[in-house]
N, C-alpha and C. Protein backbone atom coordinates (compact mmCIF):
# COMPACT_ATOMS: atom_id res chain seq x y z
N MET A 1 82.34 109.52 101.48
CA MET A 1 81.88 109.52 100.22
C MET A 1 80.29 109.21 100.49
N ASN A 2 79.43 110.10 100.18
CA ASN A 2 78.00 109.88 100.06
C ASN A 2 77.41 108.69 99.19
N ARG A 3 76.34 108.38 99.46
CA ARG A 3 75.72 107.21 98.53
C ARG A 3 75.46 108.10 97.53
N ARG A 4 74.97 109.10 97.08
CA ARG A 4 74.63 109.95 95.77
C ARG A 4 75.81 110.15 95.15
N THR A 5 76.92 110.42 95.42
CA THR A 5 78.29 111.02 94.89
C THR A 5 78.72 109.40 94.26
N LEU A 6 78.48 108.37 95.28
CA LEU A 6 78.85 107.12 94.85
C LEU A 6 78.28 106.68 93.73
N LEU A 7 77.05 106.32 93.76
CA LEU A 7 76.14 106.30 92.58
C LEU A 7 76.57 107.13 91.21
N LEU A 8 76.67 108.46 91.60
CA LEU A 8 77.21 109.23 90.16
C LEU A 8 78.31 108.80 89.83
N SER A 9 79.29 108.69 90.45
CA SER A 9 80.56 108.44 90.25
C SER A 9 80.30 106.77 89.38
N SER A 10 79.81 106.07 90.15
CA SER A 10 80.04 104.61 89.48
C SER A 10 79.19 104.40 88.19
N ALA A 11 77.96 105.25 88.04
CA ALA A 11 77.40 105.49 86.66
C ALA A 11 78.52 106.41 85.75
N ALA A 12 79.15 107.28 86.18
CA ALA A 12 79.82 107.82 85.19
C ALA A 12 80.95 107.05 84.51
N LEU A 13 81.33 106.38 85.45
CA LEU A 13 82.45 105.28 85.20
C LEU A 13 81.94 104.32 84.21
N LEU A 14 81.05 103.82 84.64
CA LEU A 14 80.38 102.72 83.64
C LEU A 14 79.93 103.25 82.08
N LEU A 15 79.64 104.47 82.02
CA LEU A 15 79.34 105.24 80.85
C LEU A 15 80.52 105.84 80.03
N ALA A 16 81.42 105.76 80.58
CA ALA A 16 82.74 106.52 80.33
C ALA A 16 83.10 105.35 78.83
N PRO A 17 83.44 106.25 78.13
CA PRO A 17 83.46 105.48 76.54
C PRO A 17 85.21 104.85 76.57
N PRO A 18 85.34 103.57 76.21
CA PRO A 18 86.68 103.31 76.38
C PRO A 18 87.45 103.91 75.18
N LEU A 19 88.79 103.98 75.37
CA LEU A 19 89.63 105.04 74.38
C LEU A 19 89.52 104.27 72.95
N ARG A 20 89.26 105.10 71.92
CA ARG A 20 89.03 104.38 70.60
C ARG A 20 90.36 103.97 70.06
N ALA A 21 90.55 103.07 69.43
CA ALA A 21 91.47 102.00 69.02
C ALA A 21 92.54 103.07 68.18
N GLU A 22 92.21 103.87 67.58
CA GLU A 22 92.94 105.05 66.88
C GLU A 22 93.76 106.07 67.84
N GLU A 23 93.30 106.02 69.20
CA GLU A 23 93.82 106.83 70.15
C GLU A 23 95.05 105.89 71.10
N ARG A 24 94.84 104.58 70.80
CA ARG A 24 95.83 103.72 71.76
C ARG A 24 96.93 103.41 70.99
N VAL A 25 98.02 103.41 71.68
CA VAL A 25 99.38 103.02 70.85
C VAL A 25 99.63 101.74 71.24
N PHE A 26 99.85 100.68 70.21
CA PHE A 26 100.03 99.17 70.74
C PHE A 26 101.40 98.93 70.72
N TYR A 27 101.88 98.07 71.21
CA TYR A 27 103.43 97.46 71.46
C TYR A 27 103.49 97.00 70.25
N THR A 28 104.95 97.29 69.95
CA THR A 28 105.33 96.19 68.94
C THR A 28 106.72 96.11 69.37
N PRO A 29 107.67 94.79 69.27
CA PRO A 29 108.96 94.91 69.76
C PRO A 29 109.77 95.66 69.47
N GLY A 30 110.38 96.49 70.87
CA GLY A 30 111.20 97.62 70.40
C GLY A 30 110.50 98.85 70.85
N LEU A 31 109.18 99.31 70.73
CA LEU A 31 108.56 100.56 70.78
C LEU A 31 108.72 101.01 72.29
N ALA A 32 108.30 100.14 73.16
CA ALA A 32 108.59 100.62 74.75
C ALA A 32 110.17 100.67 75.16
N GLU A 33 110.71 99.28 74.63
CA GLU A 33 112.24 99.69 74.99
C GLU A 33 112.93 100.91 74.52
N ALA A 34 112.69 101.49 73.06
CA ALA A 34 113.27 102.56 72.78
C ALA A 34 113.10 103.62 73.37
N ALA A 35 111.71 103.96 73.87
CA ALA A 35 111.18 104.71 74.86
C ALA A 35 111.70 104.80 75.99
N MET A 36 111.83 103.73 76.59
CA MET A 36 112.59 103.72 78.04
C MET A 36 113.88 104.00 78.06
N ASP A 37 114.52 103.67 77.01
CA ASP A 37 116.28 103.66 76.99
C ASP A 37 116.66 105.16 76.27
N ALA A 38 115.25 105.92 76.01
CA ALA A 38 115.33 107.08 75.81
C ALA A 38 115.26 108.26 76.99
N GLY A 39 114.92 107.58 78.35
CA GLY A 39 114.56 108.37 79.29
C GLY A 39 112.91 108.74 79.17
N GLU A 40 112.21 108.23 78.72
CA GLU A 40 110.83 108.57 78.62
C GLU A 40 110.04 108.03 79.80
N VAL A 41 109.02 108.89 80.11
CA VAL A 41 108.04 108.48 81.14
C VAL A 41 107.22 107.50 80.33
N VAL A 42 107.16 106.29 80.67
CA VAL A 42 106.04 105.26 79.94
C VAL A 42 105.20 104.83 80.98
N VAL A 43 103.84 104.54 80.81
CA VAL A 43 103.02 103.83 81.32
C VAL A 43 102.88 102.72 80.39
N LEU A 44 102.91 101.52 80.72
CA LEU A 44 102.95 100.10 79.90
C LEU A 44 101.33 99.59 80.42
N ASP A 45 100.17 99.20 79.66
CA ASP A 45 99.23 98.67 80.17
C ASP A 45 99.36 97.42 79.50
N PHE A 46 99.21 96.47 80.32
CA PHE A 46 99.29 95.01 79.82
C PHE A 46 97.78 94.24 79.74
N TRP A 47 97.27 94.38 78.63
CA TRP A 47 96.08 94.46 78.23
C TRP A 47 95.61 93.11 77.39
N ALA A 48 94.35 92.58 77.77
CA ALA A 48 93.39 91.69 76.82
C ALA A 48 92.44 91.99 76.55
N SER A 49 92.16 91.43 75.24
CA SER A 49 90.58 92.03 74.61
C SER A 49 89.27 91.37 75.17
N TRP A 50 89.75 90.43 75.84
CA TRP A 50 88.47 89.43 76.71
C TRP A 50 88.69 89.80 77.97
N CYS A 51 89.69 90.47 78.52
CA CYS A 51 89.71 90.81 80.09
C CYS A 51 88.68 91.56 80.45
N SER A 52 87.79 90.99 81.39
CA SER A 52 87.03 92.19 82.17
C SER A 52 87.45 93.18 82.77
N THR A 53 88.52 93.04 83.57
CA THR A 53 89.33 93.82 84.43
C THR A 53 89.91 94.81 83.64
N CYS A 54 90.52 94.49 82.33
CA CYS A 54 91.02 95.15 81.41
C CYS A 54 90.19 96.15 81.30
N ALA A 55 88.86 95.74 80.80
CA ALA A 55 87.84 96.58 80.26
C ALA A 55 87.67 97.95 81.07
N THR A 56 87.34 97.25 82.22
CA THR A 56 87.21 98.43 83.55
C THR A 56 88.02 99.60 83.87
N GLN A 57 89.77 99.03 83.60
CA GLN A 57 90.67 99.69 83.41
C GLN A 57 90.56 100.64 82.43
N GLU A 58 90.42 100.27 81.39
CA GLU A 58 90.15 101.28 80.13
C GLU A 58 89.23 102.09 80.28
N ARG A 59 88.09 101.83 80.90
CA ARG A 59 87.07 102.80 81.14
C ARG A 59 87.68 104.05 81.89
N VAL A 60 88.26 103.66 83.17
CA VAL A 60 88.75 104.60 84.00
C VAL A 60 90.04 105.33 83.38
N ILE A 61 90.67 105.06 82.66
CA ILE A 61 91.85 105.46 82.21
C ILE A 61 91.40 106.52 81.21
N ALA A 62 90.23 105.96 80.02
CA ALA A 62 89.74 107.26 79.63
C ALA A 62 88.99 108.45 80.10
N GLN A 63 88.59 108.28 81.17
CA GLN A 63 87.94 109.14 82.12
C GLN A 63 89.05 109.88 82.68
N LEU A 64 90.19 109.47 83.15
CA LEU A 64 91.08 110.38 83.42
C LEU A 64 92.01 110.90 82.85
N MET A 65 92.15 110.33 81.44
CA MET A 65 92.77 111.20 80.20
C MET A 65 91.87 112.29 79.86
N ALA A 66 90.69 112.28 79.84
CA ALA A 66 89.61 113.24 79.52
C ALA A 66 89.75 114.31 80.41
N GLU A 67 90.08 113.90 81.63
CA GLU A 67 89.95 114.94 82.85
C GLU A 67 91.34 115.51 83.09
N HIS A 68 92.29 115.16 82.70
CA HIS A 68 93.71 115.40 82.76
C HIS A 68 94.47 115.35 81.55
N PRO A 69 94.24 116.24 80.40
CA PRO A 69 95.15 116.06 79.35
C PRO A 69 96.54 116.18 79.48
N GLU A 70 97.29 116.36 80.65
CA GLU A 70 98.65 116.75 80.84
C GLU A 70 98.97 115.23 81.00
N TYR A 71 98.32 114.31 81.21
CA TYR A 71 98.81 113.07 81.09
C TYR A 71 99.41 112.39 79.76
N ALA A 72 98.57 112.74 78.95
CA ALA A 72 98.60 112.57 77.68
C ALA A 72 100.21 113.44 76.85
N GLN A 73 100.16 114.37 77.59
CA GLN A 73 101.00 115.46 77.16
C GLN A 73 102.41 115.12 77.29
N LYS A 74 102.40 114.61 78.66
CA LYS A 74 103.94 114.30 79.36
C LYS A 74 104.03 112.92 79.49
N ILE A 75 103.18 112.01 79.16
CA ILE A 75 103.75 110.45 79.69
C ILE A 75 103.21 109.85 78.44
N ARG A 76 104.31 108.74 77.85
CA ARG A 76 103.88 108.04 76.73
C ARG A 76 103.12 106.81 77.13
N PHE A 77 101.90 106.33 76.50
CA PHE A 77 101.00 105.52 77.10
C PHE A 77 101.41 104.42 76.09
N ILE A 78 101.53 102.85 76.06
CA ILE A 78 101.48 102.02 75.42
C ILE A 78 100.80 100.76 76.08
N VAL A 79 100.13 100.32 74.93
CA VAL A 79 98.94 99.19 75.45
C VAL A 79 99.95 97.69 74.82
N VAL A 80 99.86 96.71 75.55
CA VAL A 80 100.71 95.74 75.31
C VAL A 80 99.73 94.61 75.40
N ASP A 81 99.52 94.01 73.89
CA ASP A 81 98.53 93.05 74.15
C ASP A 81 99.10 91.47 74.36
N TRP A 82 98.15 91.27 75.96
CA TRP A 82 98.68 90.37 76.54
C TRP A 82 98.73 88.84 75.65
N ASP A 83 97.72 88.53 74.90
CA ASP A 83 97.65 87.41 73.94
C ASP A 83 99.14 87.48 73.09
N GLU A 84 99.50 88.36 72.50
CA GLU A 84 100.65 88.38 71.74
C GLU A 84 102.07 88.44 72.61
N HIS A 85 102.05 89.28 73.51
CA HIS A 85 103.44 89.87 74.38
C HIS A 85 103.55 89.11 75.53
N GLY A 86 102.51 88.73 76.15
CA GLY A 86 102.52 87.86 77.73
C GLY A 86 103.32 87.27 78.01
N GLU A 87 103.98 86.50 76.91
CA GLU A 87 105.25 85.76 77.35
C GLU A 87 106.63 85.85 76.86
N GLY A 88 106.60 87.42 76.14
CA GLY A 88 107.42 87.81 75.53
C GLY A 88 108.57 88.87 76.37
N GLU A 89 109.71 88.84 75.86
CA GLU A 89 110.82 89.75 76.50
C GLU A 89 110.38 90.69 77.64
N LEU A 90 109.84 91.51 76.84
CA LEU A 90 109.41 92.77 77.76
C LEU A 90 108.51 92.32 79.05
N SER A 91 107.78 91.35 79.10
CA SER A 91 106.92 90.91 80.15
C SER A 91 107.82 90.18 81.10
N ARG A 92 109.01 89.49 80.59
CA ARG A 92 109.51 88.70 81.28
C ARG A 92 110.52 89.53 82.10
N ALA A 93 110.91 90.52 81.34
CA ALA A 93 112.10 91.61 82.05
C ALA A 93 111.63 92.25 83.17
N LEU A 94 110.16 92.80 82.79
CA LEU A 94 109.74 93.32 83.84
C LEU A 94 108.83 92.59 84.97
N LYS A 95 108.87 91.08 84.76
CA LYS A 95 108.18 90.43 85.87
C LYS A 95 106.63 90.64 85.86
N ILE A 96 106.11 90.74 84.79
CA ILE A 96 104.54 91.59 84.67
C ILE A 96 103.65 89.78 85.06
N PRO A 97 102.95 89.92 86.10
CA PRO A 97 102.23 88.60 86.64
C PRO A 97 101.31 87.94 85.82
N ARG A 98 100.47 89.42 85.44
CA ARG A 98 99.16 88.68 84.53
C ARG A 98 98.90 90.15 83.42
N ARG A 99 97.66 89.75 82.63
CA ARG A 99 96.97 90.97 82.01
C ARG A 99 96.64 91.93 83.12
N SER A 100 96.01 92.85 83.00
CA SER A 100 95.27 94.12 83.59
C SER A 100 96.59 94.59 84.79
N THR A 101 97.73 94.29 84.26
CA THR A 101 99.02 95.01 85.12
C THR A 101 99.21 96.31 84.24
N LEU A 102 99.18 97.40 84.78
CA LEU A 102 99.75 99.00 84.72
C LEU A 102 101.08 99.10 85.35
N VAL A 103 102.22 99.50 84.81
CA VAL A 103 103.19 99.88 85.09
C VAL A 103 103.81 100.81 84.45
N ALA A 104 104.02 102.01 85.48
CA ALA A 104 104.79 103.36 84.98
C ALA A 104 106.25 103.26 85.32
N LEU A 105 107.25 103.55 84.18
CA LEU A 105 108.44 103.72 84.35
C LEU A 105 109.13 104.99 83.95
N LYS A 106 110.08 105.60 84.60
CA LYS A 106 110.82 106.65 83.86
C LYS A 106 112.55 106.02 83.34
N GLY A 107 112.39 106.00 81.94
CA GLY A 107 113.75 105.00 81.51
C GLY A 107 113.49 103.68 81.69
N ARG A 108 114.32 102.87 82.68
CA ARG A 108 114.12 101.69 82.92
C ARG A 108 113.71 101.37 84.54
N GLU A 109 113.48 102.29 85.16
CA GLU A 109 113.23 102.49 86.74
C GLU A 109 111.83 102.39 87.19
N GLU A 110 111.32 101.57 87.34
CA GLU A 110 109.85 101.35 88.01
C GLU A 110 109.48 102.40 88.65
N ILE A 111 108.46 103.13 88.40
CA ILE A 111 107.69 104.09 89.49
C ILE A 111 106.51 103.73 90.46
N ALA A 112 105.68 103.02 89.47
CA ALA A 112 104.65 102.60 90.35
C ALA A 112 104.32 101.21 89.53
N ARG A 113 103.31 100.40 90.13
CA ARG A 113 102.55 99.47 89.36
C ARG A 113 101.45 99.06 90.13
N ILE A 114 100.54 98.53 89.36
CA ILE A 114 99.07 98.12 89.55
C ILE A 114 98.86 96.89 88.92
N VAL A 115 98.66 95.86 90.02
CA VAL A 115 98.09 94.67 89.39
C VAL A 115 96.51 94.48 89.66
N ALA A 116 95.86 94.13 88.35
CA ALA A 116 94.31 94.25 88.52
C ALA A 116 93.46 95.03 89.28
N GLY A 117 94.00 96.12 89.67
CA GLY A 117 93.44 97.26 90.27
C GLY A 117 92.57 98.28 89.18
N THR A 118 91.22 98.65 89.86
CA THR A 118 90.47 99.07 88.74
C THR A 118 89.82 100.57 89.64
N GLY A 119 90.55 100.80 90.62
CA GLY A 119 89.70 102.02 91.53
C GLY A 119 90.34 103.33 90.77
N LYS A 120 89.62 104.03 90.45
CA LYS A 120 90.06 105.37 89.76
C LYS A 120 91.05 106.05 90.68
N ALA A 121 90.86 106.00 91.86
CA ALA A 121 91.90 106.93 92.92
C ALA A 121 93.27 106.18 92.52
N GLU A 122 93.35 104.90 92.27
CA GLU A 122 94.55 103.90 92.39
C GLU A 122 95.25 104.05 91.08
N ILE A 123 94.61 104.29 90.18
CA ILE A 123 95.01 104.68 88.66
C ILE A 123 95.32 106.13 88.56
N LYS A 124 94.76 106.60 88.93
CA LYS A 124 94.96 107.89 89.13
C LYS A 124 96.68 108.61 89.94
N ALA A 125 96.53 107.96 91.25
CA ALA A 125 97.99 108.00 91.76
C ALA A 125 99.05 107.56 91.02
N LEU A 126 98.97 106.44 90.26
CA LEU A 126 100.15 105.82 89.43
C LEU A 126 100.24 106.75 88.07
N PHE A 127 99.25 107.62 87.61
CA PHE A 127 99.49 108.33 86.77
C PHE A 127 100.28 109.81 87.33
N ASP A 128 99.78 109.88 88.59
CA ASP A 128 100.40 111.08 89.21
C ASP A 128 101.68 111.23 89.52
N ALA A 129 101.77 109.78 90.01
CA ALA A 129 103.56 109.66 89.83
C ALA A 129 104.43 109.49 88.55
N ALA A 130 103.76 109.17 87.61
CA ALA A 130 104.39 109.35 86.30
C ALA A 130 104.40 110.97 85.89
N LEU A 131 103.31 111.51 86.20
CA LEU A 131 103.68 112.73 85.68
C LEU A 131 104.58 113.60 86.37
N ALA A 132 104.56 113.30 88.00
CA ALA A 132 105.73 113.95 88.54
C ALA A 132 106.74 113.60 88.27
N ALA A 133 107.39 112.30 87.98
CA ALA A 133 108.75 112.09 87.32
C ALA A 133 108.83 112.61 85.87
N ALA A 134 107.99 112.88 85.08
CA ALA A 134 108.32 113.57 83.71
C ALA A 134 108.71 115.08 84.22
N GLY A 135 108.32 115.46 85.24
CA GLY A 135 108.91 116.93 85.59
C GLY A 135 107.80 117.84 84.89
């Protein structure tokens, strides 16, 4: 990648708006579990409002969702508030080590996981794996 492409990509990433609150589905106990039990492809975003890594992930996710509408059409995205559910049953069952963890599952089977990764290519790879599992 040349310097100009890197700078333009970095600027676009920084300027990409985060997902608006009304576009995000926040976890409540039973929501993700029901989707997984129904065999859906789910991406769980273990997030905290104060987490700078989460904020960077959020901008990348917003950019990817805008570029690839098929993600939202075939994958169920659920944000799990770390401050509320980080010590909860879902986090324990999935062995989530910290906030800023993204996990893709088909049913109860894990497809891919990213812990504290913020790279667009890395997050896109996770979403692409989830999309492939969705068929």
